[in-house]
Amino acid sequence: MEAVCVGRAVLTVCLPSSDMREALTFCGTKSGRDVDKFRECNLRFAEAQVVTSPTIDTPGLHFECKVVFKSPMDPKYLDKASESLYPAKDYHTLYFGEIAECYETE
């Protein structure tokens, strides 16, 4: 597998096999702009195998991806029931990635 170049946008996705419910809940409800999620949840970085973005040092499935498309959310397409999730109108950016490497760690 060829390494993903430093200049390309990359991302990693981790599906932990251990119980990380508290950390996942915290990370899923806080913005990285406001809090250091790794420090707050005592998470450690691990070096990825082919992309420049790190992964989480935890047992589980790891997907290393290169970004092929990104788009800001358009609130006019947001389900009305979900509007309360964005009281500050700080909508997410959607990323689509192509998997460059996938592996499991123990």
Protein backbone atom coordinates (compact mmCIF):
# COMPACT_ATOMS: atom_id res chain seq x y z
CA MET A 1 0.00 0.00 0.00
CA GLU A 2 1.35 3.40 -0.96
CA ALA A 3 1.51 6.01 1.80
CA VAL A 4 -0.89 8.94 1.59
CA CYS A 5 1.03 12.14 0.92
CA VAL A 6 1.42 14.73 3.66
CA GLY A 7 -0.22 17.41 1.49
CA ARG A 8 -3.49 15.49 1.12
CA ALA A 9 -6.32 15.73 3.60
CA VAL A 10 -6.59 12.53 5.60
CA LEU A 11 -8.62 11.17 8.49
CA THR A 12 -8.75 8.11 10.69
CA VAL A 13 -11.74 6.27 12.16
CA CYS A 14 -11.48 3.95 15.14
CA LEU A 15 -14.10 1.40 16.21
CA PRO A 16 -12.93 0.38 19.69
CA SER A 17 -13.44 -3.20 20.86
CA SER A 18 -13.04 -2.27 24.53
CA ASP A 19 -15.60 -0.45 26.65
CA MET A 20 -15.04 3.21 25.92
CA ARG A 21 -18.65 4.31 26.42
CA GLU A 22 -17.76 7.27 28.67
CA ALA A 23 -15.02 8.57 26.39
CA LEU A 24 -17.16 8.11 23.26
CA THR A 25 -20.08 9.93 24.86
CA PHE A 26 -17.82 12.78 25.97
CA CYS A 27 -16.07 13.07 22.60
CA GLY A 28 -19.36 12.88 20.71
CA THR A 29 -20.91 15.72 22.67
CA LYS A 30 -17.98 18.16 22.96
CA SER A 31 -16.24 20.23 20.34
CA GLY A 32 -12.51 19.96 19.85
CA ARG A 33 -12.56 23.76 19.54
CA ASP A 34 -13.58 24.01 23.19
CA VAL A 35 -11.87 21.10 24.94
CA ASP A 36 -8.85 18.81 24.52
CA LYS A 37 -10.74 15.51 24.19
CA PHE A 38 -7.61 13.36 24.39
CA ARG A 39 -6.49 14.96 27.64
CA GLU A 40 -9.96 14.94 29.21
CA CYS A 41 -10.52 11.24 28.37
CA ASN A 42 -6.94 10.06 28.96
CA LEU A 43 -6.65 8.89 25.35
CA ARG A 44 -3.30 8.33 23.63
CA PHE A 45 -2.36 8.83 20.00
CA ALA A 46 -0.95 5.98 17.91
CA GLU A 47 0.91 6.37 14.65
CA ALA A 48 -1.13 5.39 11.64
CA GLN A 49 0.31 2.90 9.15
CA VAL A 50 -0.12 4.78 5.85
CA VAL A 51 -1.66 8.23 6.49
CA THR A 52 -0.23 11.20 8.35
CA SER A 53 -3.17 11.63 10.74
CA PRO A 54 -2.79 9.69 14.00
CA THR A 55 -5.23 7.12 15.28
CA ILE A 56 -6.32 6.28 18.83
CA ASP A 57 -4.14 3.86 20.78
CA THR A 58 -6.88 1.36 21.66
CA PRO A 59 -7.84 -2.18 20.65
CA GLY A 60 -10.28 -2.30 17.76
CA LEU A 61 -10.72 -1.68 14.06
CA HIS A 62 -8.85 1.23 12.51
CA PHE A 63 -9.61 2.81 9.15
CA GLU A 64 -7.10 5.18 7.59
CA CYS A 65 -8.65 7.30 4.86
CA LYS A 66 -7.87 10.02 2.39
CA VAL A 67 -10.53 12.70 2.08
CA VAL A 68 -12.17 12.62 -1.34
CA PHE A 69 -14.97 15.13 -0.68
CA LYS A 70 -16.09 17.50 2.05
CA SER A 71 -19.11 19.73 2.30
CA PRO A 72 -20.58 21.99 4.96
CA MET A 73 -24.02 20.93 6.14
CA ASP A 74 -26.83 22.89 4.55
CA PRO A 75 -29.38 23.54 7.33
CA LYS A 76 -32.24 23.78 4.83
CA TYR A 77 -31.95 19.97 4.41
CA LEU A 78 -31.72 19.27 8.15
CA ASP A 79 -34.65 17.43 9.71
CA LYS A 80 -36.59 19.87 11.90
CA ALA A 81 -36.35 17.48 14.87
CA SER A 82 -32.54 17.76 14.70
CA GLU A 83 -32.36 21.55 14.75
CA SER A 84 -32.16 21.55 18.57
CA LEU A 85 -28.77 19.79 18.26
CA TYR A 86 -27.37 23.01 16.74
CA PRO A 87 -28.55 25.86 19.02
CA ALA A 88 -25.55 27.99 17.98
CA LYS A 89 -26.07 27.13 14.29
CA ASP A 90 -22.54 25.63 14.28
CA TYR A 91 -23.26 22.92 11.74
CA HIS A 92 -20.86 20.10 10.97
CA THR A 93 -18.78 19.64 7.86
CA LEU A 94 -19.39 16.27 6.21
CA TYR A 95 -16.32 14.32 5.11
CA PHE A 96 -16.22 11.42 2.67
CA GLY A 97 -13.12 9.27 2.75
CA GLU A 98 -11.59 6.53 0.67
CA ILE A 99 -10.12 3.77 2.84
CA ALA A 100 -6.36 3.56 2.32
CA GLU A 101 -5.75 0.95 5.06
CA CYS A 102 -7.85 -1.08 7.48
CA TYR A 103 -6.59 -3.27 10.33
CA GLU A 104 -7.41 -4.56 13.78
CA THR A 105 -5.28 -4.09 16.89
CA GLU A 106 -5.49 -5.94 20.20
